[in-house]
């Protein structure tokens, strides 16, 4: 399989990634871009055992923590991948192959000179729309008001995506590690939900 524990070695598997090859049956695939220590994804995996989940994270320390937690808990419907969100989207996923994409609290890179490092750019939004299956769902959360404004504009400008009721789409969703912290600080969270036409 090309994996150590619940960590997937992209150099040892066939690309693009396929639910049946990864999980042993043709399950729907969902992806979390920036899975951090895995708090959200592991809760989501337990609640949705018939879904195959892929978490991508650049910070290897957090990725290894999440993969170890999954292995200890015997959660077998999730793989963690050490790469960038862009690499996963553009190189590792086929068009129409994903039923949901989760992006929670992406780094806002608040300094103007760092804005080019932000995940939310028009080309990335277009690729997210491309990898989503018809009626596939994109959920996004951020606590950064300026970044939220930009995200809202980019998502609204993508013709392949249509906004849907955020309250309904986020109901019952497990909190991320950041979200728990922000709730204690009473920090507002901006939420977006869009579906693939």
N, C-alpha and C. Protein backbone atom coordinates (compact mmCIF):
# COMPACT_ATOMS: atom_id res chain seq x y z
N UNK A 1 0.83 -1.21 0.00
CA UNK A 1 0.00 0.00 0.00
C UNK A 1 0.86 1.26 0.00
N UNK A 2 2.12 1.15 0.46
CA UNK A 2 2.98 2.32 0.48
C UNK A 2 2.67 3.26 1.62
N UNK A 3 2.53 2.70 2.85
CA UNK A 3 2.15 3.54 3.97
C UNK A 3 2.85 3.08 5.23
N UNK A 4 3.03 4.00 6.16
CA UNK A 4 3.51 3.69 7.50
C UNK A 4 2.40 4.10 8.44
N UNK A 5 1.80 3.14 9.14
CA UNK A 5 0.64 3.46 9.96
C UNK A 5 -0.46 4.02 9.08
N UNK A 6 -1.00 5.18 9.46
CA UNK A 6 -2.05 5.82 8.66
C UNK A 6 -1.48 6.95 7.80
N UNK A 7 -0.16 6.94 7.58
CA UNK A 7 0.47 7.91 6.69
C UNK A 7 0.68 7.28 5.33
N UNK A 8 0.26 7.97 4.30
CA UNK A 8 0.33 7.45 2.94
C UNK A 8 1.56 8.01 2.23
N UNK A 9 2.34 7.14 1.63
CA UNK A 9 3.52 7.53 0.85
C UNK A 9 3.09 7.71 -0.60
N UNK A 10 3.03 8.95 -1.06
CA UNK A 10 2.57 9.21 -2.42
C UNK A 10 3.49 8.63 -3.48
N UNK A 11 4.74 8.38 -3.11
CA UNK A 11 5.69 7.79 -4.06
C UNK A 11 5.48 6.30 -4.25
N UNK A 12 4.64 5.69 -3.45
CA UNK A 12 4.46 4.24 -3.51
C UNK A 12 3.05 3.83 -3.90
N UNK A 13 2.23 4.78 -4.34
CA UNK A 13 0.86 4.46 -4.75
C UNK A 13 0.62 4.99 -6.16
N UNK A 14 -0.38 4.43 -6.81
CA UNK A 14 -0.74 4.88 -8.16
C UNK A 14 -1.55 6.17 -8.05
N UNK A 15 -1.20 7.11 -8.92
CA UNK A 15 -1.93 8.37 -9.00
C UNK A 15 -2.70 8.42 -10.31
N UNK A 16 -3.86 9.09 -10.33
CA UNK A 16 -4.50 9.78 -9.22
C UNK A 16 -5.05 8.82 -8.18
N UNK A 17 -5.21 9.33 -6.96
CA UNK A 17 -5.70 8.52 -5.85
C UNK A 17 -7.12 8.04 -6.13
N UNK A 18 -7.38 6.82 -5.67
CA UNK A 18 -8.65 6.17 -5.96
C UNK A 18 -9.19 5.53 -4.68
N UNK A 19 -10.47 5.76 -4.39
CA UNK A 19 -11.07 5.26 -3.15
C UNK A 19 -10.94 3.76 -2.98
N UNK A 20 -11.17 3.01 -4.05
CA UNK A 20 -11.11 1.55 -3.93
C UNK A 20 -9.69 1.08 -3.65
N UNK A 21 -8.69 1.67 -4.32
CA UNK A 21 -7.30 1.29 -4.09
C UNK A 21 -6.85 1.65 -2.67
N UNK A 22 -7.31 2.79 -2.17
CA UNK A 22 -6.88 3.25 -0.85
C UNK A 22 -7.57 2.53 0.30
N UNK A 23 -8.86 2.21 0.11
CA UNK A 23 -9.67 1.74 1.23
C UNK A 23 -10.27 0.35 1.02
N UNK A 24 -9.99 -0.27 -0.13
CA UNK A 24 -10.43 -1.64 -0.34
C UNK A 24 -11.84 -1.79 -0.88
N UNK A 25 -12.56 -0.69 -1.04
CA UNK A 25 -13.89 -0.71 -1.65
C UNK A 25 -14.14 0.66 -2.26
N UNK A 26 -15.06 0.76 -3.22
CA UNK A 26 -15.27 2.04 -3.93
C UNK A 26 -16.04 3.06 -3.09
N UNK A 27 -15.39 3.57 -2.04
CA UNK A 27 -16.04 4.52 -1.13
C UNK A 27 -15.96 5.93 -1.70
N UNK A 28 -16.91 6.80 -1.33
CA UNK A 28 -16.76 8.22 -1.69
C UNK A 28 -15.56 8.82 -0.95
N UNK A 29 -14.86 9.71 -1.62
CA UNK A 29 -13.67 10.34 -1.04
C UNK A 29 -13.98 11.75 -0.57
N UNK A 30 -13.45 12.09 0.62
CA UNK A 30 -13.46 13.47 1.10
C UNK A 30 -12.04 13.86 1.48
N UNK A 31 -11.74 15.13 1.37
CA UNK A 31 -10.39 15.63 1.59
C UNK A 31 -10.43 16.81 2.56
N UNK A 32 -9.49 16.82 3.51
CA UNK A 32 -9.29 18.02 4.32
C UNK A 32 -7.93 18.60 3.96
N UNK A 33 -7.93 19.85 3.53
CA UNK A 33 -6.71 20.56 3.20
C UNK A 33 -6.22 21.30 4.43
N UNK A 34 -5.09 20.87 4.97
CA UNK A 34 -4.57 21.45 6.20
C UNK A 34 -5.19 20.79 7.41
N UNK A 35 -4.92 19.50 7.59
CA UNK A 35 -5.60 18.73 8.64
C UNK A 35 -5.00 18.91 10.02
N UNK A 36 -3.86 19.60 10.13
CA UNK A 36 -3.27 19.88 11.44
C UNK A 36 -3.06 18.61 12.25
N UNK A 37 -3.51 18.62 13.51
CA UNK A 37 -3.31 17.45 14.36
C UNK A 37 -4.42 16.41 14.19
N UNK A 38 -5.32 16.63 13.23
CA UNK A 38 -6.32 15.63 12.88
C UNK A 38 -7.58 15.63 13.73
N UNK A 39 -7.75 16.62 14.58
CA UNK A 39 -8.90 16.59 15.49
C UNK A 39 -10.23 16.49 14.74
N UNK A 40 -10.43 17.35 13.75
CA UNK A 40 -11.67 17.30 12.99
C UNK A 40 -11.78 15.99 12.22
N UNK A 41 -10.73 15.66 11.46
CA UNK A 41 -10.83 14.55 10.51
C UNK A 41 -11.06 13.21 11.22
N UNK A 42 -10.45 13.02 12.37
CA UNK A 42 -10.63 11.75 13.08
C UNK A 42 -12.05 11.62 13.63
N UNK A 43 -12.60 12.70 14.16
CA UNK A 43 -14.00 12.66 14.60
C UNK A 43 -14.93 12.40 13.42
N UNK A 44 -14.65 13.06 12.30
CA UNK A 44 -15.48 12.90 11.10
C UNK A 44 -15.38 11.47 10.57
N UNK A 45 -14.20 10.89 10.62
CA UNK A 45 -13.99 9.52 10.13
C UNK A 45 -14.79 8.52 10.96
N UNK A 46 -14.80 8.70 12.27
CA UNK A 46 -15.56 7.79 13.13
C UNK A 46 -17.05 7.91 12.86
N UNK A 47 -17.52 9.14 12.63
CA UNK A 47 -18.94 9.38 12.39
C UNK A 47 -19.39 8.94 10.99
N UNK A 48 -18.42 8.78 10.06
CA UNK A 48 -18.75 8.43 8.67
C UNK A 48 -17.88 7.27 8.20
N UNK A 49 -18.12 6.07 8.74
CA UNK A 49 -17.26 4.93 8.42
C UNK A 49 -17.33 4.48 6.97
N UNK A 50 -18.36 4.87 6.23
CA UNK A 50 -18.49 4.46 4.83
C UNK A 50 -17.85 5.46 3.87
N UNK A 51 -17.15 6.46 4.41
CA UNK A 51 -16.47 7.47 3.60
C UNK A 51 -14.97 7.30 3.76
N UNK A 52 -14.22 7.44 2.66
CA UNK A 52 -12.76 7.42 2.72
C UNK A 52 -12.24 8.84 2.82
N UNK A 53 -11.40 9.09 3.82
CA UNK A 53 -10.93 10.46 4.09
C UNK A 53 -9.43 10.59 3.88
N UNK A 54 -9.03 11.71 3.30
CA UNK A 54 -7.62 12.02 3.09
C UNK A 54 -7.34 13.37 3.73
N UNK A 55 -6.39 13.40 4.63
CA UNK A 55 -5.95 14.65 5.25
C UNK A 55 -4.58 15.02 4.75
N UNK A 56 -4.42 16.23 4.27
CA UNK A 56 -3.12 16.69 3.79
C UNK A 56 -2.60 17.77 4.73
N UNK A 57 -1.31 17.69 5.04
CA UNK A 57 -0.71 18.63 5.98
C UNK A 57 0.77 18.79 5.64
N UNK A 58 1.24 20.07 5.62
CA UNK A 58 2.65 20.33 5.35
C UNK A 58 3.53 20.11 6.56
N UNK A 59 2.99 20.34 7.76
CA UNK A 59 3.79 20.24 8.99
C UNK A 59 3.86 18.77 9.41
N UNK A 60 5.00 18.16 9.19
CA UNK A 60 5.13 16.72 9.41
C UNK A 60 4.87 16.33 10.87
N UNK A 61 5.28 17.18 11.80
CA UNK A 61 5.08 16.89 13.22
C UNK A 61 3.59 16.66 13.53
N UNK A 62 2.74 17.56 13.05
CA UNK A 62 1.31 17.42 13.31
C UNK A 62 0.72 16.24 12.55
N UNK A 63 1.21 16.03 11.33
CA UNK A 63 0.74 14.91 10.52
C UNK A 63 1.02 13.58 11.22
N UNK A 64 2.22 13.44 11.74
CA UNK A 64 2.58 12.19 12.42
C UNK A 64 1.75 12.00 13.68
N UNK A 65 1.46 13.10 14.40
CA UNK A 65 0.59 12.99 15.58
C UNK A 65 -0.79 12.48 15.18
N UNK A 66 -1.35 13.05 14.11
CA UNK A 66 -2.68 12.66 13.66
C UNK A 66 -2.70 11.21 13.21
N UNK A 67 -1.69 10.80 12.45
CA UNK A 67 -1.64 9.43 11.96
C UNK A 67 -1.50 8.43 13.10
N UNK A 68 -0.71 8.80 14.11
CA UNK A 68 -0.54 7.93 15.27
C UNK A 68 -1.84 7.81 16.05
N UNK A 69 -2.56 8.91 16.19
CA UNK A 69 -3.85 8.87 16.89
C UNK A 69 -4.83 7.97 16.14
N UNK A 70 -4.84 8.08 14.81
CA UNK A 70 -5.74 7.24 14.01
C UNK A 70 -5.39 5.77 14.19
N UNK A 71 -4.11 5.46 14.17
CA UNK A 71 -3.68 4.06 14.31
C UNK A 71 -4.04 3.51 15.68
N UNK A 72 -3.79 4.30 16.73
CA UNK A 72 -4.11 3.85 18.09
C UNK A 72 -5.60 3.59 18.26
N UNK A 73 -6.41 4.43 17.62
CA UNK A 73 -7.87 4.31 17.75
C UNK A 73 -8.46 3.28 16.78
N UNK A 74 -7.63 2.73 15.90
CA UNK A 74 -8.12 1.75 14.94
C UNK A 74 -9.02 2.36 13.87
N UNK A 75 -8.78 3.63 13.53
CA UNK A 75 -9.59 4.31 12.51
C UNK A 75 -8.95 4.03 11.15
N UNK A 76 -9.61 3.22 10.34
CA UNK A 76 -9.01 2.72 9.11
C UNK A 76 -9.52 3.42 7.85
N UNK A 77 -10.49 4.33 7.99
CA UNK A 77 -11.02 4.99 6.80
C UNK A 77 -10.43 6.39 6.61
N UNK A 78 -9.20 6.57 7.07
CA UNK A 78 -8.52 7.86 6.89
C UNK A 78 -7.04 7.62 6.60
N UNK A 79 -6.50 8.40 5.66
CA UNK A 79 -5.07 8.43 5.38
C UNK A 79 -4.58 9.87 5.52
N UNK A 80 -3.38 10.03 6.03
CA UNK A 80 -2.76 11.34 6.13
C UNK A 80 -1.58 11.41 5.15
N UNK A 81 -1.49 12.55 4.46
CA UNK A 81 -0.50 12.72 3.40
C UNK A 81 0.36 13.94 3.69
N UNK A 82 1.68 13.75 3.63
CA UNK A 82 2.61 14.85 3.87
C UNK A 82 2.96 15.51 2.54
N UNK A 83 2.23 16.55 2.21
CA UNK A 83 2.49 17.33 1.00
C UNK A 83 1.73 18.64 1.12
N UNK A 84 1.72 19.41 0.05
CA UNK A 84 0.97 20.66 0.07
C UNK A 84 -0.44 20.42 -0.48
N UNK A 85 -1.33 21.33 -0.15
CA UNK A 85 -2.70 21.25 -0.67
C UNK A 85 -2.68 21.31 -2.20
N UNK A 86 -1.83 22.16 -2.76
CA UNK A 86 -1.75 22.30 -4.21
C UNK A 86 -1.26 21.02 -4.87
N UNK A 87 -0.27 20.37 -4.28
CA UNK A 87 0.22 19.11 -4.86
C UNK A 87 -0.87 18.05 -4.86
N UNK A 88 -1.58 17.96 -3.74
CA UNK A 88 -2.67 16.97 -3.67
C UNK A 88 -3.72 17.27 -4.74
N UNK A 89 -4.14 18.53 -4.84
CA UNK A 89 -5.21 18.88 -5.77
C UNK A 89 -4.81 18.72 -7.23
N UNK A 90 -3.65 19.22 -7.60
CA UNK A 90 -3.29 19.28 -9.02
C UNK A 90 -2.63 17.99 -9.52
N UNK A 91 -1.94 17.26 -8.65
CA UNK A 91 -1.20 16.08 -9.11
C UNK A 91 -1.85 14.77 -8.70
N UNK A 92 -2.54 14.77 -7.55
CA UNK A 92 -2.94 13.49 -6.94
C UNK A 92 -4.42 13.17 -7.05
N UNK A 93 -5.24 14.11 -7.44
CA UNK A 93 -6.69 13.87 -7.49
C UNK A 93 -7.20 14.07 -8.91
N UNK A 94 -8.07 13.17 -9.34
CA UNK A 94 -8.67 13.26 -10.67
C UNK A 94 -9.88 14.18 -10.64
N UNK A 95 -10.21 14.80 -11.76
CA UNK A 95 -11.44 15.59 -11.83
C UNK A 95 -12.66 14.75 -11.44
N UNK A 96 -13.56 15.37 -10.67
CA UNK A 96 -14.79 14.70 -10.29
C UNK A 96 -14.65 13.54 -9.33
N UNK A 97 -13.51 13.45 -8.62
CA UNK A 97 -13.24 12.27 -7.80
C UNK A 97 -13.57 12.43 -6.32
N UNK A 98 -13.94 13.63 -5.88
CA UNK A 98 -14.08 13.93 -4.46
C UNK A 98 -15.49 14.43 -4.17
N UNK A 99 -16.12 13.90 -3.13
CA UNK A 99 -17.48 14.33 -2.80
C UNK A 99 -17.51 15.53 -1.86
N UNK A 100 -16.42 15.77 -1.12
CA UNK A 100 -16.37 16.94 -0.24
C UNK A 100 -14.93 17.37 -0.02
N UNK A 101 -14.74 18.68 0.08
CA UNK A 101 -13.44 19.27 0.43
C UNK A 101 -13.67 20.15 1.65
N UNK A 102 -12.84 19.95 2.67
CA UNK A 102 -12.90 20.72 3.92
C UNK A 102 -11.66 21.59 4.00
N UNK A 103 -11.85 22.91 4.23
CA UNK A 103 -10.72 23.82 4.42
C UNK A 103 -11.04 24.67 5.64
N UNK A 104 -10.40 24.34 6.77
CA UNK A 104 -10.72 25.01 8.02
C UNK A 104 -9.53 25.78 8.57
N UNK A 105 -9.72 27.09 8.68
CA UNK A 105 -8.74 28.01 9.24
C UNK A 105 -7.40 27.96 8.51
N UNK A 106 -7.46 28.17 7.18
CA UNK A 106 -6.20 28.23 6.43
C UNK A 106 -5.39 29.43 6.88
N UNK A 107 -4.08 29.31 6.79
CA UNK A 107 -3.19 30.40 7.21
C UNK A 107 -3.53 31.66 6.42
N UNK A 108 -3.89 32.76 7.10
CA UNK A 108 -4.28 33.99 6.37
C UNK A 108 -3.11 34.77 5.80
N UNK A 109 -1.87 34.44 6.20
CA UNK A 109 -0.71 35.20 5.75
C UNK A 109 -1.08 36.69 5.72
N UNK A 110 -1.26 37.32 6.89
CA UNK A 110 -1.85 38.66 6.95
C UNK A 110 -1.00 39.78 6.34
N UNK A 111 0.32 39.61 6.28
CA UNK A 111 1.14 40.69 5.72
C UNK A 111 0.99 40.73 4.19
N UNK A 112 0.88 41.94 3.66
CA UNK A 112 0.65 42.10 2.21
C UNK A 112 1.69 41.35 1.38
N UNK A 113 2.93 41.39 1.79
CA UNK A 113 3.97 40.76 0.98
C UNK A 113 3.87 39.24 0.99
N UNK A 114 3.08 38.69 1.92
CA UNK A 114 2.91 37.23 2.01
C UNK A 114 1.61 36.75 1.37
N UNK A 115 0.78 37.64 0.86
CA UNK A 115 -0.52 37.24 0.33
C UNK A 115 -0.41 36.19 -0.77
N UNK A 116 0.71 36.20 -1.51
CA UNK A 116 0.89 35.23 -2.59
C UNK A 116 0.99 33.80 -2.06
N UNK A 117 1.21 33.64 -0.76
CA UNK A 117 1.30 32.30 -0.17
C UNK A 117 -0.06 31.73 0.23
N UNK A 118 -1.09 32.56 0.21
CA UNK A 118 -2.41 32.11 0.63
C UNK A 118 -2.92 30.98 -0.27
N UNK A 119 -3.66 30.06 0.33
CA UNK A 119 -4.23 28.98 -0.47
C UNK A 119 -5.31 29.50 -1.40
N UNK A 120 -6.16 30.39 -0.89
CA UNK A 120 -7.29 30.85 -1.69
C UNK A 120 -6.83 31.86 -2.73
N UNK A 121 -6.64 31.32 -3.94
CA UNK A 121 -6.36 32.08 -5.16
C UNK A 121 -7.28 31.52 -6.23
N UNK A 122 -7.51 32.26 -7.26
CA UNK A 122 -8.51 31.84 -8.26
C UNK A 122 -8.17 30.49 -8.87
N UNK A 123 -6.88 30.21 -9.14
CA UNK A 123 -6.52 28.94 -9.78
C UNK A 123 -6.77 27.75 -8.84
N UNK A 124 -6.56 27.96 -7.54
CA UNK A 124 -6.82 26.88 -6.59
C UNK A 124 -8.30 26.63 -6.40
N UNK A 125 -9.09 27.70 -6.37
CA UNK A 125 -10.54 27.55 -6.26
C UNK A 125 -11.08 26.81 -7.48
N UNK A 126 -10.57 27.16 -8.67
CA UNK A 126 -11.01 26.48 -9.89
C UNK A 126 -10.67 24.99 -9.84
N UNK A 127 -9.50 24.66 -9.29
CA UNK A 127 -9.12 23.24 -9.22
C UNK A 127 -9.95 22.50 -8.18
N UNK A 128 -10.27 23.14 -7.07
CA UNK A 128 -11.17 22.51 -6.09
C UNK A 128 -12.50 22.18 -6.77
N UNK A 129 -13.03 23.13 -7.51
CA UNK A 129 -14.29 22.89 -8.23
C UNK A 129 -14.14 21.73 -9.20
N UNK A 130 -12.98 21.63 -9.83
CA UNK A 130 -12.75 20.58 -10.84
C UNK A 130 -12.69 19.19 -10.21
N UNK A 131 -12.05 19.07 -9.05
CA UNK A 131 -11.93 17.74 -8.44
C UNK A 131 -13.22 17.30 -7.74
N UNK A 132 -14.11 18.25 -7.44
CA UNK A 132 -15.38 17.90 -6.82
C UNK A 132 -16.28 17.18 -7.82
N UNK A 133 -16.95 16.14 -7.35
CA UNK A 133 -17.97 15.48 -8.15
C UNK A 133 -19.18 16.39 -8.27
N UNK A 134 -20.07 16.15 -9.25
CA UNK A 134 -21.30 16.94 -9.32
C UNK A 134 -22.05 16.91 -7.98
N UNK A 135 -22.45 18.07 -7.52
CA UNK A 135 -23.11 18.28 -6.23
C UNK A 135 -22.16 18.11 -5.05
N UNK A 136 -20.86 17.94 -5.33
CA UNK A 136 -19.87 17.85 -4.26
C UNK A 136 -19.82 19.14 -3.47
N UNK A 137 -19.40 19.04 -2.22
CA UNK A 137 -19.51 20.16 -1.27
C UNK A 137 -18.14 20.67 -0.83
N UNK A 138 -17.97 21.98 -0.87
CA UNK A 138 -16.81 22.66 -0.31
C UNK A 138 -17.24 23.40 0.94
N UNK A 139 -16.60 23.09 2.06
CA UNK A 139 -16.85 23.82 3.31
C UNK A 139 -15.57 24.55 3.71
N UNK A 140 -15.72 25.82 4.11
CA UNK A 140 -14.57 26.65 4.49
C UNK A 140 -14.92 27.41 5.76
N UNK A 141 -13.96 27.49 6.68
CA UNK A 141 -14.09 28.34 7.87
C UNK A 141 -12.81 29.15 8.04
N UNK A 142 -12.97 30.40 8.48
CA UNK A 142 -11.82 31.22 8.84
C UNK A 142 -12.24 32.19 9.93
N UNK A 143 -11.28 32.58 10.76
CA UNK A 143 -11.54 33.58 11.79
C UNK A 143 -11.02 34.94 11.36
N UNK A 144 -10.41 35.03 10.19
CA UNK A 144 -9.74 36.24 9.74
C UNK A 144 -10.69 37.01 8.81
N UNK A 145 -11.19 38.16 9.25
CA UNK A 145 -12.25 38.88 8.53
C UNK A 145 -11.81 39.30 7.13
N UNK A 146 -10.60 39.83 6.99
CA UNK A 146 -10.13 40.26 5.66
C UNK A 146 -10.01 39.09 4.71
N UNK A 147 -9.46 37.99 5.21
CA UNK A 147 -9.32 36.79 4.38
C UNK A 147 -10.70 36.24 4.02
N UNK A 148 -11.63 36.30 4.97
CA UNK A 148 -13.00 35.83 4.71
C UNK A 148 -13.62 36.62 3.56
N UNK A 149 -13.38 37.92 3.52
CA UNK A 149 -13.91 38.75 2.45
C UNK A 149 -13.37 38.31 1.09
N UNK A 150 -12.06 38.05 1.04
CA UNK A 150 -11.43 37.58 -0.19
C UNK A 150 -11.96 36.21 -0.59
N UNK A 151 -12.05 35.29 0.38
CA UNK A 151 -12.55 33.94 0.10
C UNK A 151 -13.96 34.01 -0.48
N UNK A 152 -14.81 34.82 0.13
CA UNK A 152 -16.17 34.96 -0.36
C UNK A 152 -16.21 35.44 -1.80
N UNK A 153 -15.36 36.41 -2.14
CA UNK A 153 -15.30 36.93 -3.51
C UNK A 153 -14.83 35.87 -4.49
N UNK A 154 -13.78 35.13 -4.12
CA UNK A 154 -13.23 34.11 -5.01
C UNK A 154 -14.22 32.98 -5.25
N UNK A 155 -14.90 32.54 -4.20
CA UNK A 155 -15.86 31.45 -4.35
C UNK A 155 -17.06 31.91 -5.19
N UNK A 156 -17.53 33.13 -4.95
CA UNK A 156 -18.66 33.64 -5.72
C UNK A 156 -18.31 33.82 -7.19
N UNK A 157 -17.03 34.07 -7.49
CA UNK A 157 -16.60 34.29 -8.88
C UNK A 157 -16.40 33.00 -9.65
N UNK A 158 -16.36 31.86 -8.96
CA UNK A 158 -16.14 30.57 -9.63
C UNK A 158 -17.47 30.05 -10.15
N UNK A 159 -17.61 30.03 -11.48
CA UNK A 159 -18.90 29.71 -12.10
C UNK A 159 -19.33 28.26 -11.88
N UNK A 160 -18.39 27.37 -11.55
CA UNK A 160 -18.74 25.96 -11.34
C UNK A 160 -19.27 25.70 -9.94
N UNK A 161 -19.23 26.70 -9.07
CA UNK A 161 -19.69 26.54 -7.69
C UNK A 161 -20.92 27.39 -7.43
N UNK A 162 -21.79 26.87 -6.58
CA UNK A 162 -23.01 27.60 -6.20
C UNK A 162 -23.12 27.63 -4.68
N UNK A 163 -23.40 28.80 -4.09
CA UNK A 163 -23.53 28.86 -2.62
C UNK A 163 -24.71 28.04 -2.14
N UNK A 164 -24.56 27.48 -0.96
CA UNK A 164 -25.64 26.72 -0.33
C UNK A 164 -25.72 27.15 1.13
N UNK A 165 -26.78 26.78 1.81
CA UNK A 165 -27.03 27.27 3.17
C UNK A 165 -25.97 26.77 4.15
N UNK A 166 -25.14 27.69 4.64
CA UNK A 166 -24.05 27.30 5.53
C UNK A 166 -24.57 26.69 6.82
N UNK A 167 -25.63 27.23 7.39
CA UNK A 167 -26.14 26.70 8.66
C UNK A 167 -26.45 25.21 8.55
N UNK A 168 -27.09 24.82 7.47
CA UNK A 168 -27.44 23.42 7.28
C UNK A 168 -26.21 22.58 7.01
N UNK A 169 -25.28 23.08 6.20
CA UNK A 169 -24.11 22.29 5.81
C UNK A 169 -23.11 22.10 6.95
N UNK A 170 -23.13 23.01 7.93
CA UNK A 170 -22.18 22.90 9.04
C UNK A 170 -22.81 22.29 10.29
N UNK A 171 -24.10 22.01 10.25
CA UNK A 171 -24.78 21.45 11.42
C UNK A 171 -24.18 20.08 11.77
N UNK A 172 -23.81 19.92 13.03
CA UNK A 172 -23.26 18.65 13.51
C UNK A 172 -21.82 18.40 13.13
N UNK A 173 -21.16 19.36 12.50
CA UNK A 173 -19.77 19.19 12.10
C UNK A 173 -18.86 19.28 13.32
N UNK A 174 -17.93 18.35 13.51
CA UNK A 174 -17.02 18.44 14.66
C UNK A 174 -16.16 19.70 14.58
N UNK A 175 -15.82 20.24 15.73
CA UNK A 175 -14.96 21.43 15.78
C UNK A 175 -13.51 21.06 15.53
N UNK A 176 -12.77 21.99 14.94
CA UNK A 176 -11.34 21.81 14.81
C UNK A 176 -10.66 22.29 16.09
N UNK A 177 -9.37 22.01 16.19
CA UNK A 177 -8.59 22.45 17.34
C UNK A 177 -8.64 23.98 17.46
N UNK A 178 -8.46 24.68 16.33
CA UNK A 178 -8.51 26.14 16.33
C UNK A 178 -9.89 26.63 16.77
N UNK A 179 -10.92 25.97 16.29
CA UNK A 179 -12.28 26.43 16.58
C UNK A 179 -12.60 26.35 18.07
N UNK A 180 -12.13 25.31 18.72
CA UNK A 180 -12.32 25.18 20.17
C UNK A 180 -11.67 26.37 20.88
N UNK A 181 -10.45 26.68 20.46
CA UNK A 181 -9.72 27.81 21.06
C UNK A 181 -10.44 29.12 20.79
N UNK A 182 -10.90 29.33 19.55
CA UNK A 182 -11.55 30.59 19.20
C UNK A 182 -12.88 30.75 19.91
N UNK A 183 -13.58 29.64 20.16
CA UNK A 183 -14.86 29.72 20.89
C UNK A 183 -14.62 30.22 22.31
N UNK A 184 -13.53 29.77 22.92
CA UNK A 184 -13.20 30.24 24.28
C UNK A 184 -12.92 31.74 24.28
N UNK A 185 -12.32 32.23 23.19
CA UNK A 185 -11.99 33.65 23.07
C UNK A 185 -13.14 34.47 22.50
N UNK A 186 -14.28 33.82 22.22
CA UNK A 186 -15.45 34.47 21.61
C UNK A 186 -15.07 35.17 20.30
N UNK A 187 -14.18 34.55 19.55
CA UNK A 187 -13.75 35.11 18.27
C UNK A 187 -14.72 34.68 17.18
N UNK A 188 -15.22 35.60 16.35
CA UNK A 188 -16.19 35.21 15.31
C UNK A 188 -15.53 34.33 14.24
N UNK A 189 -16.31 33.39 13.71
CA UNK A 189 -15.85 32.48 12.66
C UNK A 189 -16.74 32.69 11.43
N UNK A 190 -16.10 32.87 10.29
CA UNK A 190 -16.81 33.06 9.02
C UNK A 190 -16.87 31.71 8.31
N UNK A 191 -18.06 31.34 7.82
CA UNK A 191 -18.26 30.02 7.22
C UNK A 191 -18.81 30.17 5.80
N UNK A 192 -18.34 29.28 4.93
CA UNK A 192 -18.79 29.27 3.54
C UNK A 192 -19.10 27.83 3.15
N UNK A 193 -20.18 27.64 2.42
CA UNK A 193 -20.52 26.33 1.88
C UNK A 193 -20.94 26.52 0.42
N UNK A 194 -20.28 25.80 -0.48
CA UNK A 194 -20.57 25.88 -1.90
C UNK A 194 -20.64 24.46 -2.48
N UNK A 195 -21.54 24.27 -3.43
CA UNK A 195 -21.66 22.97 -4.10
C UNK A 195 -21.25 23.08 -5.57
N UNK A 196 -20.73 21.97 -6.06
CA UNK A 196 -20.34 21.87 -7.48
C UNK A 196 -21.59 21.71 -8.32
N UNK A 197 -21.75 22.55 -9.32
CA UNK A 197 -22.90 22.46 -10.21
C UNK A 197 -22.82 21.19 -11.05
